[in-house]
Protein backbone atom coordinates (compact mmCIF):
# COMPACT_ATOMS: atom_id res chain seq x y z
CA MET A 1 -30.23 -34.99 -20.03
CA LYS A 2 -32.04 -31.65 -20.17
CA THR A 3 -30.09 -30.47 -17.14
CA ILE A 4 -26.79 -31.29 -18.84
CA ILE A 5 -27.80 -29.44 -22.00
CA LYS A 6 -29.00 -26.45 -19.97
CA THR A 7 -25.77 -26.44 -18.00
CA MET A 8 -23.68 -26.59 -21.17
CA LEU A 9 -25.73 -23.82 -22.74
CA LEU A 10 -25.43 -21.69 -19.63
CA SER A 11 -21.67 -22.29 -19.56
CA SER A 12 -21.44 -21.21 -23.19
CA VAL A 13 -23.40 -18.04 -22.49
CA VAL A 14 -21.21 -17.23 -19.49
CA PHE A 15 -18.11 -17.79 -21.61
CA VAL A 16 -19.38 -15.49 -24.37
CA LEU A 17 -20.29 -12.80 -21.87
CA SER A 18 -16.90 -13.03 -20.18
CA CYS A 19 -15.23 -12.65 -23.59
CA ARG A 20 -17.31 -9.56 -24.22
CA ASP A 21 -16.27 -8.15 -20.86
CA ASP A 22 -12.62 -8.83 -21.70
CA ASN A 23 -13.05 -7.01 -25.01
CA LYS A 24 -14.74 -4.08 -23.28
CA GLU A 25 -11.90 -3.88 -20.79
CA LYS A 26 -9.34 -3.92 -23.59
CA GLU A 27 -11.28 -1.25 -25.49
CA ALA A 28 -11.49 0.86 -22.34
CA GLU A 29 -7.73 0.53 -21.78
CA GLU A 30 -7.02 1.43 -25.40
CA THR A 31 -9.38 4.40 -25.20
CA GLN A 32 -7.71 5.58 -22.00
CA ALA A 33 -4.29 5.31 -23.67
CA VAL A 34 -5.53 7.41 -26.59
CA VAL A 35 -6.98 10.00 -24.21
CA GLU A 36 -3.65 10.21 -22.39
CA GLN A 37 -1.82 10.67 -25.70
CA ILE A 38 -4.22 13.44 -26.70
CA GLU A 39 -3.77 15.18 -23.35
CA ALA A 40 0.02 14.96 -23.71
CA ALA A 41 -0.24 16.38 -27.23
CA GLU A 42 -2.38 19.26 -25.93
CA VAL A 43 0.32 20.10 -23.38
CA GLU A 44 2.96 20.04 -26.12
CA VAL A 45 0.85 22.28 -28.37
CA LYS A 46 0.31 24.78 -25.54
CA GLN A 47 4.06 24.84 -24.85
CA ALA A 48 4.80 25.31 -28.53
CA ALA A 49 2.31 28.19 -28.68
CA GLU A 50 4.00 29.83 -25.70
CA ASN A 51 7.39 29.39 -27.38
CA VAL A 52 6.07 30.99 -30.56
CA HIS A 53 4.73 33.94 -28.58
CA GLU A 54 8.05 34.36 -26.77
CA ASN A 55 9.92 34.16 -30.08
CA GLU A 56 7.61 36.79 -31.61
CA GLU A 57 8.28 39.12 -28.69
CA ALA A 58 12.02 38.56 -28.96
CA LEU A 59 11.87 39.23 -32.71
CA LYS A 60 9.92 42.46 -32.17
CA THR A 61 12.47 43.60 -29.61
CA ALA A 62 15.35 42.77 -31.92
CA MET A 63 13.67 44.63 -34.82
CA LYS A 64 13.21 47.72 -32.61
CA GLU A 65 16.87 47.59 -31.62
CA LEU A 66 17.90 47.31 -35.27
CA ASP A 67 15.69 50.26 -36.20
CA SER A 68 17.31 52.38 -33.50
CA ILE A 69 20.81 51.71 -34.85
C-alpha cells in the first residue's frame, strides 16, 4: 500500500514539474517573440531617424536654393 501511495505521489510531483516546464517553455517563447518585436522596432526607428536626417538635408538644400533666387 505504501508503495502505491509513494508511486502516486511521485507521479503527481512529476506531473506538476512537467507542467512547470511547459509554462517555462511558453514564457521563454513569448519572451523571445517580444525580443524579436523590439529588435524589429529598433530597426524601424533607426530607418526613420535616417529618413529624418535625409529630409533635413534636403530641406536645407532647398532653402539655400530659394535664398539664392
